[in-house]
Amino acid sequence: MRLLNVRTRQLEEHHSHSTPKYSILSHRWGDEEVTFNDVKGENGPPEVFEGKSGYRKIDFACRQALADGFDYTWVDTCCINKESSAELTESINSMFSWYQEADVCYAYLTDVADDSERTFLEELAHRSSRTFDHDRAIGKTSFAKSAWWGRSWTLQELLAPPDVIFFAENWTFLGTRGNLASVIHTVTHIDTAVLLGMNEPKHCCVARRMSWAARRAATRVEDVAYALLGLFGINMPLLYGEGENAFKRLQQEIIRSSDDQSVFAWNYGAKSPPLLAPSPRHFTLCYDVRAVDHAADISGSREWEDVCGAGVQAGDGF
C-alpha cells in the first residue's frame, strides 16, 4: 500500500504487516487533480502540482491528519499509479479494505459552501424522522443535495471506515457519520444501525445493499459494478470496455459465493425480465427487503436451473 507522508508530502510504500495508522480522503474528482506522477516529481518540482486546484484538498487532508495525530494519509488521485492496469485492478479490489483499515475517513463535500447549516443538521438529526416535514427539511439542505451522495465510489467510502467526518468546501466541520446518522438515512435509505456501526453491511441481504447503490452513478459504466466489489466481498478482474456486462459478472460472482437469493428480488417492470438485473437502479425499492431463512424450501415442485454452477437455483418464481 502506498501512503502519503503528511509532513514531507512524499509517497511511501508500506506492506500489510507494517502499515502505520492513517487517515483516508473521500471526495469527488474535479479539474486538475494531483496524480501519482505529479507527486513522484515526473511532471516537475512540487511547486508545479501545488499550483493545481486539486492540491487544495490534499493539503486540507494532510493538515487535518497531522492535527489528528496521523503521519500518513491516503488519497486515491495520487496514491495509485493509474497508468499500470495491474496496479489499478489490485487497488480497486483492495479499496474497500483500505477504507476499512483506515482510522478515519475525511469526506470532503466541495458543493457545501460553509458550515452555516451545521447547527441545523444537528437539530434535524435529533428530531423524529417519521414526519414528512422532517424529511423535506433535510432534503432542502445543501448537505443532502451534495453530488457526493450520488457517486458510485462514495458508497464504500461512507460505509467501510470505522468513522467518517464530513467537511464543507472551506474544510469546516459539518458532523460525523454517527451524529448525522438519521439525516444520512433519510438521504440514502441506508439502515441507521449500519451507519452507527451497530450492524455490518454484510449482515444485510444482497438486495438491500444493492438498493443503496441504486441512485448512484459513475463516469464509466463499468465502475458502477466495480465500486461494489468490496461491499459484497467480491474480487474479480476489471475489463474496461465491457459496459453493463460488468454488473452481470458481479451478480454471477455474488451467486457463486453466497446463498442469498434476494439477488433476484429486483424490479424490471417488464413481462419477461432477464434473470440478472441490468443495473443497481432496478433494486431501488429493495431497501426494506430482508433475507429469507435459507433452510426454508422455496423451490416447491417447480423445475429449477442451476445458475453459474454455484449451487444456487432460480426458476420462474423470481
Foldseek 3Di string as FASTA:
>chain_A
DWWQFLVVRAIDDDDPVGDDAEEEEAEDDDPLAQAQCQRVQVVHDVVVSCPGPNVVVVNLRSVVCVVVPHRTYDYVRHRFDVVDLVRVQVCLLCVLVVQQRHQEYEYEQQQQAAQPCLVVLLVLLPDDPPDPVSLVVLCPHSVLVGCLQAALQCVSNQQRYPKYWYAYNVRDTRGILQSNLSSVCSSQVADSCSSNVVDHLQQFFPLQVLLSLQRHDYPAQLVSLSSCCVSLVHRDRDDRPPHLVSNVVSLLRSLQVDQFPCQQVFADPDPDDDSGDSHSNRSNVVNPDGTDPPVDDPCPPDDWDDRNPRPHTDDPVD
